[in-house]
Amino acid sequence: MGDLLGLAAAAAPPRRRPPPRRWREAGAAGARSKGSPGRPRLSDSQIASLERGLERRPLAHGWADQRWTLARVKTLAGRLFCVSYMVQGTWRLLKPHGWSWQQPAR
């Protein structure tokens, strides 16, 4: 386009890209964001399997003591189901299923 106007290539206005396929096919509704993909969710059977794993105690899974930490639960869920949670997401996963945090007695 710069050649037609006698401009250097750097001075020529950029070409507009054609609209994405979603826009061409569905208009503005197709171009709207579908939202955040969110955190991975475990099915009810996976939650039950995780709870069975938690009932087996940490020693059975290779940890040296008998305390479940959120980081350990996160690691266990990753080993069992190939999902990755943040520590906060692990708590959000456990809380609705009746798990609560406990502070060890001194």
C-alpha atoms as a PDB file:
ATOM      1  CA  MET A   1       0.000   0.000   0.000  1.00  0.00           C
ATOM      2  CA  GLY A   2       2.931   2.307   0.743  1.00  0.00           C
ATOM      3  CA  ASP A   3       4.113   1.909  -2.863  1.00  0.00           C
ATOM      4  CA  LEU A   4       0.800   3.232  -4.198  1.00  0.00           C
ATOM      5  CA  LEU A   5       0.982   6.314  -2.001  1.00  0.00           C
ATOM      6  CA  GLY A   6       4.691   6.861  -2.482  1.00  0.00           C
ATOM      7  CA  LEU A   7       5.487   6.180   1.186  1.00  0.00           C
ATOM      8  CA  ALA A   8       8.275   4.203   2.766  1.00  0.00           C
ATOM      9  CA  ALA A   9       7.209   0.755   4.020  1.00  0.00           C
ATOM     10  CA  ALA A  10       7.608   1.822   7.659  1.00  0.00           C
ATOM     11  CA  ALA A  11       5.351   4.873   7.154  1.00  0.00           C
ATOM     12  CA  ALA A  12       2.525   2.963   5.470  1.00  0.00           C
ATOM     13  CA  PRO A  13      -0.524   2.290   7.628  1.00  0.00           C
ATOM     14  CA  PRO A  14      -0.787  -1.323   8.765  1.00  0.00           C
ATOM     15  CA  ARG A  15      -3.236  -3.578   6.998  1.00  0.00           C
ATOM     16  CA  ARG A  16      -6.232  -4.554   8.981  1.00  0.00           C
ATOM     17  CA  ARG A  17      -6.563  -8.227   9.664  1.00  0.00           C
ATOM     18  CA  PRO A  18      -9.827  -9.861   8.688  1.00  0.00           C
ATOM     19  CA  PRO A  19     -12.171 -10.490  11.611  1.00  0.00           C
ATOM     20  CA  PRO A  20     -11.755 -13.819  13.397  1.00  0.00           C
ATOM     21  CA  ARG A  21     -13.866 -16.748  12.312  1.00  0.00           C
ATOM     22  CA  ARG A  22     -15.941 -16.570  15.508  1.00  0.00           C
ATOM     23  CA  TRP A  23     -16.926 -12.992  14.652  1.00  0.00           C
ATOM     24  CA  ARG A  24     -17.784 -13.827  11.040  1.00  0.00           C
ATOM     25  CA  GLU A  25     -19.911 -16.814  12.037  1.00  0.00           C
ATOM     26  CA  ALA A  26     -21.722 -15.541  15.141  1.00  0.00           C
ATOM     27  CA  GLY A  27     -21.217 -11.770  15.215  1.00  0.00           C
ATOM     28  CA  ALA A  28     -20.559  -9.996  18.504  1.00  0.00           C
ATOM     29  CA  ALA A  29     -21.910 -12.910  20.552  1.00  0.00           C
ATOM     30  CA  GLY A  30     -19.299 -15.222  19.054  1.00  0.00           C
ATOM     31  CA  ALA A  31     -16.454 -12.886  19.924  1.00  0.00           C
ATOM     32  CA  ARG A  32     -17.379 -12.542  23.599  1.00  0.00           C
ATOM     33  CA  SER A  33     -15.099 -14.162  26.126  1.00  0.00           C
ATOM     34  CA  LYS A  34     -16.265 -17.505  27.407  1.00  0.00           C
ATOM     35  CA  GLY A  35     -14.799 -16.653  30.801  1.00  0.00           C
ATOM     36  CA  SER A  36     -11.944 -18.059  32.774  1.00  0.00           C
ATOM     37  CA  PRO A  37     -11.395 -21.789  32.424  1.00  0.00           C
ATOM     38  CA  GLY A  38     -11.337 -21.957  36.234  1.00  0.00           C
ATOM     39  CA  ARG A  39      -9.714 -24.565  38.364  1.00  0.00           C
ATOM     40  CA  PRO A  40      -9.802 -28.246  37.514  1.00  0.00           C
ATOM     41  CA  ARG A  41     -12.746 -29.948  39.141  1.00  0.00           C
ATOM     42  CA  LEU A  42     -12.755 -33.461  40.462  1.00  0.00           C
ATOM     43  CA  SER A  43     -15.760 -35.691  39.943  1.00  0.00           C
ATOM     44  CA  ASP A  44     -17.612 -37.214  42.890  1.00  0.00           C
ATOM     45  CA  SER A  45     -15.853 -40.534  42.364  1.00  0.00           C
ATOM     46  CA  GLN A  46     -12.473 -38.780  42.311  1.00  0.00           C
ATOM     47  CA  ILE A  47     -13.326 -36.926  45.540  1.00  0.00           C
ATOM     48  CA  ALA A  48     -14.256 -40.268  47.135  1.00  0.00           C
ATOM     49  CA  SER A  49     -10.984 -41.770  45.942  1.00  0.00           C
ATOM     50  CA  LEU A  50      -9.052 -38.792  47.343  1.00  0.00           C
ATOM     51  CA  GLU A  51     -10.835 -39.183  50.687  1.00  0.00           C
ATOM     52  CA  ARG A  52      -9.893 -42.877  50.772  1.00  0.00           C
ATOM     53  CA  GLY A  53      -6.312 -41.841  50.104  1.00  0.00           C
ATOM     54  CA  LEU A  54      -6.454 -39.308  52.933  1.00  0.00           C
ATOM     55  CA  GLU A  55      -7.825 -41.945  55.308  1.00  0.00           C
ATOM     56  CA  ARG A  56      -4.757 -44.121  54.611  1.00  0.00           C
ATOM     57  CA  ARG A  57      -2.618 -41.507  56.454  1.00  0.00           C
ATOM     58  CA  PRO A  58       0.456 -39.687  55.129  1.00  0.00           C
ATOM     59  CA  LEU A  59       2.901 -42.411  56.171  1.00  0.00           C
ATOM     60  CA  ALA A  60       1.309 -44.808  53.665  1.00  0.00           C
ATOM     61  CA  HIS A  61       2.012 -42.269  50.904  1.00  0.00           C
ATOM     62  CA  GLY A  62       5.672 -41.808  51.779  1.00  0.00           C
ATOM     63  CA  TRP A  63       5.716 -38.828  54.147  1.00  0.00           C
ATOM     64  CA  ALA A  64       7.706 -39.118  57.356  1.00  0.00           C
ATOM     65  CA  ASP A  65       5.035 -37.975  59.817  1.00  0.00           C
ATOM     66  CA  GLN A  66       1.280 -38.334  60.263  1.00  0.00           C
ATOM     67  CA  ARG A  67       0.177 -34.768  59.416  1.00  0.00           C
ATOM     68  CA  TRP A  68      -1.800 -33.877  56.330  1.00  0.00           C
ATOM     69  CA  THR A  69      -0.899 -30.415  55.094  1.00  0.00           C
ATOM     70  CA  LEU A  70      -2.596 -28.674  52.197  1.00  0.00           C
ATOM     71  CA  ALA A  71       0.629 -28.993  50.221  1.00  0.00           C
ATOM     72  CA  ARG A  72       0.602 -32.761  50.777  1.00  0.00           C
ATOM     73  CA  VAL A  73      -3.059 -33.059  49.807  1.00  0.00           C
ATOM     74  CA  LYS A  74      -2.258 -31.033  46.687  1.00  0.00           C
ATOM     75  CA  THR A  75       0.587 -33.423  45.863  1.00  0.00           C
ATOM     76  CA  LEU A  76      -1.605 -36.466  46.482  1.00  0.00           C
ATOM     77  CA  ALA A  77      -4.343 -35.117  44.176  1.00  0.00           C
ATOM     78  CA  GLY A  78      -1.696 -34.480  41.528  1.00  0.00           C
ATOM     79  CA  ARG A  79      -0.351 -38.018  41.839  1.00  0.00           C
ATOM     80  CA  LEU A  80      -3.775 -39.646  41.735  1.00  0.00           C
ATOM     81  CA  PHE A  81      -5.531 -37.565  39.068  1.00  0.00           C
ATOM     82  CA  CYS A  82      -2.821 -35.621  37.180  1.00  0.00           C
ATOM     83  CA  VAL A  83      -4.341 -32.265  38.160  1.00  0.00           C
ATOM     84  CA  SER A  84      -2.561 -29.245  39.504  1.00  0.00           C
ATOM     85  CA  TYR A  85      -4.074 -27.175  42.300  1.00  0.00           C
ATOM     86  CA  MET A  86      -2.675 -24.238  44.187  1.00  0.00           C
ATOM     87  CA  VAL A  87      -2.647 -24.631  47.961  1.00  0.00           C
ATOM     88  CA  GLN A  88      -5.652 -22.276  48.271  1.00  0.00           C
ATOM     89  CA  GLY A  89      -7.518 -24.278  45.630  1.00  0.00           C
ATOM     90  CA  THR A  90      -6.854 -27.443  47.605  1.00  0.00           C
ATOM     91  CA  TRP A  91      -8.604 -25.895  50.593  1.00  0.00           C
ATOM     92  CA  ARG A  92     -11.559 -24.861  48.408  1.00  0.00           C
ATOM     93  CA  LEU A  93     -11.706 -28.447  47.163  1.00  0.00           C
ATOM     94  CA  LEU A  94     -11.775 -29.997  50.652  1.00  0.00           C
ATOM     95  CA  LYS A  95     -13.963 -27.560  52.589  1.00  0.00           C
ATOM     96  CA  PRO A  96     -17.321 -28.331  50.875  1.00  0.00           C
ATOM     97  CA  HIS A  97     -16.771 -32.037  51.566  1.00  0.00           C
ATOM     98  CA  GLY A  98     -16.603 -31.611  55.331  1.00  0.00           C
ATOM     99  CA  TRP A  99     -12.843 -31.447  55.824  1.00  0.00           C
ATOM    100  CA  SER A 100     -11.564 -28.891  58.295  1.00  0.00           C
ATOM    101  CA  TRP A 101      -8.151 -27.656  59.323  1.00  0.00           C
ATOM    102  CA  GLN A 102      -6.771 -28.744  62.646  1.00  0.00           C
ATOM    103  CA  GLN A 103      -3.872 -27.436  64.624  1.00  0.00           C
ATOM    104  CA  PRO A 104      -1.692 -30.132  66.189  1.00  0.00           C
ATOM    105  CA  ALA A 105      -1.585 -30.219  69.991  1.00  0.00           C
ATOM    106  CA  ARG A 106       1.749 -29.188  71.475  1.00  0.00           C
END
